[in-house]
């Protein structure tokens, strides 16, 4: 069997494998849940006022992910959910950092 003949025989199998890998992706349930939880944690940490820019990005990406999920575009939904989680974590960390900096500044202030 020559190399071109081998490739010709393997090509349909490889194509089928590639197609099945793309369609085997189910709804990104865990990623969507993680993004929602991260957004909730950021809100609880005060991101609405302390890191609203990152929080808005997270909520926008989650809304886009939900739209992609409804359209059964699972790969896009997963990508957007992961991005939403990342933005929510950034908002959470920024909120915590600003709260700690504010608390430190208050405790360092001289007493009257």
N, C-alpha and C. Protein backbone atom coordinates (compact mmCIF):
# COMPACT_ATOMS: atom_id res chain seq x y z
N UNK A 1 0.85 -1.17 0.00
CA UNK A 1 0.00 0.00 0.00
C UNK A 1 0.90 1.24 0.00
N UNK A 2 0.66 2.14 -0.91
CA UNK A 2 1.48 3.36 -0.99
C UNK A 2 0.90 4.42 -0.06
N UNK A 3 1.70 5.45 0.18
CA UNK A 3 1.28 6.52 1.08
C UNK A 3 0.00 7.21 0.60
N UNK A 4 -0.10 7.61 -0.68
CA UNK A 4 -1.35 8.24 -1.12
C UNK A 4 -2.57 7.33 -0.95
N UNK A 5 -2.38 6.03 -1.18
CA UNK A 5 -3.50 5.11 -1.02
C UNK A 5 -3.89 4.99 0.46
N UNK A 6 -2.90 4.98 1.33
CA UNK A 6 -3.17 4.92 2.77
C UNK A 6 -3.92 6.17 3.22
N UNK A 7 -3.47 7.32 2.75
CA UNK A 7 -4.15 8.56 3.11
C UNK A 7 -5.58 8.57 2.58
N UNK A 8 -5.75 8.06 1.38
CA UNK A 8 -7.09 8.02 0.78
C UNK A 8 -8.02 7.14 1.62
N UNK A 9 -7.50 6.07 2.17
CA UNK A 9 -8.33 5.19 2.99
C UNK A 9 -8.59 5.78 4.38
N UNK A 10 -7.61 6.51 4.91
CA UNK A 10 -7.75 7.07 6.24
C UNK A 10 -8.56 8.37 6.27
N UNK A 11 -8.60 9.08 5.17
CA UNK A 11 -9.26 10.38 5.13
C UNK A 11 -10.73 10.32 5.57
N UNK A 12 -11.53 9.39 5.07
CA UNK A 12 -12.93 9.34 5.55
C UNK A 12 -13.04 9.08 7.05
N UNK A 13 -12.17 8.24 7.58
CA UNK A 13 -12.19 7.97 9.02
C UNK A 13 -11.82 9.21 9.82
N UNK A 14 -10.81 9.92 9.35
CA UNK A 14 -10.39 11.14 10.04
C UNK A 14 -11.47 12.22 9.96
N UNK A 15 -12.12 12.31 8.82
CA UNK A 15 -13.19 13.29 8.66
C UNK A 15 -14.35 12.97 9.60
N UNK A 16 -14.71 11.71 9.69
CA UNK A 16 -15.79 11.29 10.58
C UNK A 16 -15.43 11.55 12.04
N UNK A 17 -14.19 11.29 12.39
CA UNK A 17 -13.73 11.55 13.75
C UNK A 17 -13.81 13.04 14.06
N UNK A 18 -13.40 13.87 13.13
CA UNK A 18 -13.46 15.32 13.33
C UNK A 18 -14.88 15.83 13.48
N UNK A 19 -15.77 15.32 12.66
CA UNK A 19 -17.17 15.73 12.73
C UNK A 19 -17.80 15.28 14.04
N UNK A 20 -17.51 14.06 14.45
CA UNK A 20 -18.11 13.57 15.69
C UNK A 20 -17.56 14.31 16.90
N UNK A 21 -16.32 14.75 16.84
CA UNK A 21 -15.75 15.52 17.95
C UNK A 21 -16.44 16.87 18.07
N UNK A 22 -16.80 17.46 16.95
CA UNK A 22 -17.47 18.76 16.97
C UNK A 22 -18.91 18.64 17.47
N UNK A 23 -19.60 17.59 17.09
CA UNK A 23 -21.00 17.45 17.47
C UNK A 23 -21.18 16.81 18.83
N UNK A 24 -20.13 16.24 19.39
CA UNK A 24 -20.25 15.58 20.68
C UNK A 24 -20.30 16.57 21.84
N UNK A 25 -20.04 17.83 21.55
CA UNK A 25 -20.05 18.84 22.59
C UNK A 25 -21.48 19.10 23.03
N UNK A 26 -21.74 18.88 24.30
CA UNK A 26 -23.07 19.13 24.84
C UNK A 26 -23.15 20.52 25.43
N UNK A 27 -24.28 20.85 26.00
CA UNK A 27 -24.45 22.16 26.62
C UNK A 27 -23.43 22.37 27.74
N UNK A 28 -22.86 23.56 27.82
CA UNK A 28 -21.85 23.84 28.85
C UNK A 28 -22.50 24.17 30.20
N UNK A 29 -23.16 23.19 30.77
CA UNK A 29 -23.92 23.40 32.00
C UNK A 29 -23.02 23.88 33.13
N UNK A 30 -21.90 23.21 33.34
CA UNK A 30 -21.01 23.57 34.44
C UNK A 30 -20.41 24.96 34.25
N UNK A 31 -20.02 25.28 33.04
CA UNK A 31 -19.42 26.59 32.77
C UNK A 31 -20.43 27.72 33.00
N UNK A 32 -21.67 27.49 32.60
CA UNK A 32 -22.71 28.49 32.81
C UNK A 32 -22.96 28.68 34.30
N UNK A 33 -23.02 27.58 35.03
CA UNK A 33 -23.22 27.66 36.48
C UNK A 33 -22.07 28.37 37.17
N UNK A 34 -20.85 28.04 36.76
CA UNK A 34 -19.66 28.69 37.34
C UNK A 34 -19.69 30.20 37.11
N UNK A 35 -20.08 30.61 35.91
CA UNK A 35 -20.14 32.03 35.59
C UNK A 35 -21.20 32.73 36.44
N UNK A 36 -22.36 32.10 36.59
CA UNK A 36 -23.42 32.70 37.41
C UNK A 36 -22.98 32.85 38.87
N UNK A 37 -22.31 31.82 39.39
CA UNK A 37 -21.84 31.86 40.77
C UNK A 37 -20.76 32.92 40.96
N UNK A 38 -19.88 33.06 40.00
CA UNK A 38 -18.82 34.07 40.09
C UNK A 38 -19.42 35.47 40.06
N UNK A 39 -20.43 35.67 39.23
CA UNK A 39 -21.10 36.98 39.17
C UNK A 39 -21.80 37.27 40.49
N UNK A 40 -22.47 36.28 41.05
CA UNK A 40 -23.14 36.47 42.35
C UNK A 40 -22.13 36.82 43.44
N UNK A 41 -20.99 36.14 43.45
CA UNK A 41 -19.95 36.42 44.44
C UNK A 41 -19.40 37.83 44.27
N UNK A 42 -19.22 38.25 43.03
CA UNK A 42 -18.72 39.60 42.77
C UNK A 42 -19.73 40.64 43.25
N UNK A 43 -21.00 40.39 43.01
CA UNK A 43 -22.04 41.32 43.47
C UNK A 43 -22.03 41.42 45.00
N UNK A 44 -21.91 40.27 45.67
CA UNK A 44 -21.87 40.25 47.13
C UNK A 44 -20.66 40.99 47.68
N UNK A 45 -19.57 40.99 46.93
CA UNK A 45 -18.34 41.67 47.35
C UNK A 45 -18.39 43.17 47.07
N UNK A 46 -19.47 43.64 46.48
CA UNK A 46 -19.61 45.06 46.23
C UNK A 46 -19.17 45.52 44.86
N UNK A 47 -19.09 44.61 43.92
CA UNK A 47 -18.62 44.96 42.58
C UNK A 47 -19.56 45.92 41.86
N UNK A 48 -20.81 45.98 42.29
CA UNK A 48 -21.77 46.88 41.65
C UNK A 48 -21.25 48.32 41.73
N UNK A 49 -20.63 48.67 42.86
CA UNK A 49 -20.11 50.03 43.02
C UNK A 49 -18.59 50.10 42.88
N UNK A 50 -17.89 49.03 43.27
CA UNK A 50 -16.43 49.09 43.29
C UNK A 50 -15.76 48.63 42.00
N UNK A 51 -16.42 47.79 41.23
CA UNK A 51 -15.83 47.27 39.99
C UNK A 51 -16.93 47.05 38.95
N UNK A 52 -17.73 48.08 38.76
CA UNK A 52 -18.90 47.93 37.89
C UNK A 52 -18.53 47.63 36.44
N UNK A 53 -17.39 48.15 35.98
CA UNK A 53 -17.00 47.91 34.59
C UNK A 53 -16.79 46.42 34.32
N UNK A 54 -16.04 45.75 35.19
CA UNK A 54 -15.80 44.31 35.01
C UNK A 54 -17.07 43.51 35.21
N UNK A 55 -17.90 43.94 36.14
CA UNK A 55 -19.15 43.24 36.40
C UNK A 55 -20.09 43.34 35.20
N UNK A 56 -20.16 44.51 34.60
CA UNK A 56 -21.01 44.69 33.41
C UNK A 56 -20.52 43.80 32.27
N UNK A 57 -19.21 43.73 32.09
CA UNK A 57 -18.65 42.86 31.04
C UNK A 57 -19.04 41.41 31.32
N UNK A 58 -18.91 40.98 32.58
CA UNK A 58 -19.26 39.60 32.94
C UNK A 58 -20.73 39.31 32.66
N UNK A 59 -21.60 40.22 33.06
CA UNK A 59 -23.03 40.01 32.86
C UNK A 59 -23.40 40.03 31.37
N UNK A 60 -22.74 40.87 30.61
CA UNK A 60 -22.99 40.92 29.16
C UNK A 60 -22.55 39.62 28.50
N UNK A 61 -21.38 39.14 28.88
CA UNK A 61 -20.89 37.88 28.29
C UNK A 61 -21.79 36.71 28.68
N UNK A 62 -22.27 36.71 29.91
CA UNK A 62 -23.17 35.64 30.33
C UNK A 62 -24.47 35.69 29.53
N UNK A 63 -25.00 36.88 29.32
CA UNK A 63 -26.23 37.02 28.51
C UNK A 63 -25.99 36.52 27.08
N UNK A 64 -24.82 36.85 26.53
CA UNK A 64 -24.49 36.37 25.19
C UNK A 64 -24.36 34.84 25.18
N UNK A 65 -23.77 34.29 26.24
CA UNK A 65 -23.63 32.84 26.34
C UNK A 65 -25.00 32.17 26.40
N UNK A 66 -25.93 32.78 27.14
CA UNK A 66 -27.28 32.22 27.22
C UNK A 66 -27.96 32.23 25.86
N UNK A 67 -27.73 33.29 25.08
CA UNK A 67 -28.28 33.34 23.73
C UNK A 67 -27.69 32.25 22.84
N UNK A 68 -26.39 32.06 22.94
CA UNK A 68 -25.74 31.01 22.15
C UNK A 68 -26.22 29.62 22.59
N UNK A 69 -26.47 29.47 23.87
CA UNK A 69 -26.98 28.20 24.39
C UNK A 69 -28.36 27.90 23.81
N UNK A 70 -29.21 28.90 23.75
CA UNK A 70 -30.54 28.72 23.16
C UNK A 70 -30.46 28.36 21.68
N UNK A 71 -29.45 28.90 21.01
CA UNK A 71 -29.26 28.61 19.58
C UNK A 71 -28.50 27.31 19.35
N UNK A 72 -28.20 26.60 20.44
CA UNK A 72 -27.44 25.34 20.39
C UNK A 72 -26.04 25.50 19.82
N UNK A 73 -25.48 26.69 20.02
CA UNK A 73 -24.10 26.97 19.63
C UNK A 73 -23.25 26.75 20.89
N UNK A 74 -23.10 25.50 21.27
CA UNK A 74 -22.52 25.15 22.55
C UNK A 74 -21.07 25.58 22.70
N UNK A 75 -20.30 25.48 21.64
CA UNK A 75 -18.89 25.88 21.73
C UNK A 75 -18.79 27.38 22.04
N UNK A 76 -19.57 28.20 21.35
CA UNK A 76 -19.57 29.64 21.61
C UNK A 76 -20.10 29.94 23.00
N UNK A 77 -21.14 29.23 23.41
CA UNK A 77 -21.70 29.44 24.75
C UNK A 77 -20.66 29.13 25.82
N UNK A 78 -19.93 28.06 25.63
CA UNK A 78 -18.89 27.69 26.60
C UNK A 78 -17.80 28.76 26.65
N UNK A 79 -17.36 29.20 25.50
CA UNK A 79 -16.31 30.23 25.43
C UNK A 79 -16.76 31.51 26.12
N UNK A 80 -17.98 31.92 25.87
CA UNK A 80 -18.51 33.14 26.49
C UNK A 80 -18.73 32.97 27.99
N UNK A 81 -19.17 31.80 28.40
CA UNK A 81 -19.36 31.54 29.84
C UNK A 81 -18.03 31.59 30.58
N UNK A 82 -16.99 31.03 29.97
CA UNK A 82 -15.66 31.09 30.59
C UNK A 82 -15.16 32.54 30.67
N UNK A 83 -15.43 33.31 29.63
CA UNK A 83 -15.03 34.72 29.64
C UNK A 83 -15.82 35.50 30.70
N UNK A 84 -17.10 35.17 30.85
CA UNK A 84 -17.92 35.82 31.87
C UNK A 84 -17.39 35.52 33.27
N UNK A 85 -17.03 34.28 33.49
CA UNK A 85 -16.47 33.89 34.79
C UNK A 85 -15.18 34.65 35.06
N UNK A 86 -14.33 34.74 34.05
CA UNK A 86 -13.06 35.45 34.19
C UNK A 86 -13.29 36.92 34.55
N UNK A 87 -14.21 37.57 33.88
CA UNK A 87 -14.52 38.97 34.17
C UNK A 87 -15.13 39.13 35.56
N UNK A 88 -15.97 38.19 35.95
CA UNK A 88 -16.58 38.25 37.28
C UNK A 88 -15.53 38.08 38.37
N UNK A 89 -14.58 37.19 38.15
CA UNK A 89 -13.51 37.00 39.13
C UNK A 89 -12.66 38.26 39.22
N UNK A 90 -12.40 38.90 38.09
CA UNK A 90 -11.65 40.16 38.10
C UNK A 90 -12.41 41.22 38.90
N UNK A 91 -13.72 41.28 38.73
CA UNK A 91 -14.54 42.23 39.49
C UNK A 91 -14.51 41.91 40.98
N UNK A 92 -14.58 40.64 41.30
CA UNK A 92 -14.52 40.20 42.70
C UNK A 92 -13.20 40.59 43.34
N UNK A 93 -12.10 40.29 42.67
CA UNK A 93 -10.78 40.59 43.21
C UNK A 93 -10.57 42.09 43.36
N UNK A 94 -11.02 42.85 42.38
CA UNK A 94 -10.88 44.31 42.46
C UNK A 94 -11.71 44.86 43.62
N UNK A 95 -12.90 44.35 43.80
CA UNK A 95 -13.76 44.80 44.90
C UNK A 95 -13.11 44.51 46.25
N UNK A 96 -12.60 43.31 46.40
CA UNK A 96 -11.93 42.93 47.65
C UNK A 96 -10.72 43.80 47.90
N UNK A 97 -9.95 44.02 46.85
CA UNK A 97 -8.74 44.83 46.97
C UNK A 97 -9.07 46.26 47.40
N UNK A 98 -10.08 46.84 46.78
CA UNK A 98 -10.48 48.21 47.12
C UNK A 98 -11.06 48.29 48.53
N UNK A 99 -11.80 47.28 48.94
CA UNK A 99 -12.33 47.26 50.30
C UNK A 99 -11.21 47.17 51.32
N UNK A 100 -10.23 46.29 51.05
CA UNK A 100 -9.10 46.14 51.97
C UNK A 100 -8.27 47.42 52.02
N UNK A 101 -8.08 48.05 50.88
CA UNK A 101 -7.32 49.31 50.85
C UNK A 101 -8.06 50.39 51.63
N UNK A 102 -9.37 50.43 51.50
CA UNK A 102 -10.17 51.40 52.25
C UNK A 102 -10.13 51.13 53.73
N UNK A 103 -10.19 49.85 54.11
CA UNK A 103 -10.13 49.49 55.52
C UNK A 103 -8.77 49.81 56.11
N UNK A 104 -7.71 49.57 55.34
CA UNK A 104 -6.36 49.86 55.81
C UNK A 104 -6.17 51.36 55.97
N UNK A 105 -6.70 52.14 55.05
CA UNK A 105 -6.57 53.59 55.13
C UNK A 105 -7.32 54.13 56.35
N UNK A 106 -8.46 53.53 56.64
CA UNK A 106 -9.25 53.96 57.80
C UNK A 106 -8.55 53.61 59.10
N UNK A 107 -7.95 52.42 59.16
CA UNK A 107 -7.28 52.00 60.40
C UNK A 107 -5.95 52.73 60.61
N UNK A 108 -5.34 53.23 59.54
CA UNK A 108 -4.08 53.97 59.65
C UNK A 108 -4.30 55.44 59.99
N UNK A 109 -5.52 55.89 59.89
CA UNK A 109 -5.79 57.31 60.16
C UNK A 109 -5.61 57.60 61.64
N UNK A 110 -5.02 58.75 61.96
CA UNK A 110 -4.82 59.09 63.38
C UNK A 110 -6.16 59.35 64.07
N UNK A 111 -6.22 58.99 65.33
CA UNK A 111 -7.43 59.21 66.11
C UNK A 111 -7.51 60.66 66.53
N UNK A 112 -8.70 61.24 66.57
CA UNK A 112 -8.84 62.66 66.96
C UNK A 112 -8.66 62.88 68.44
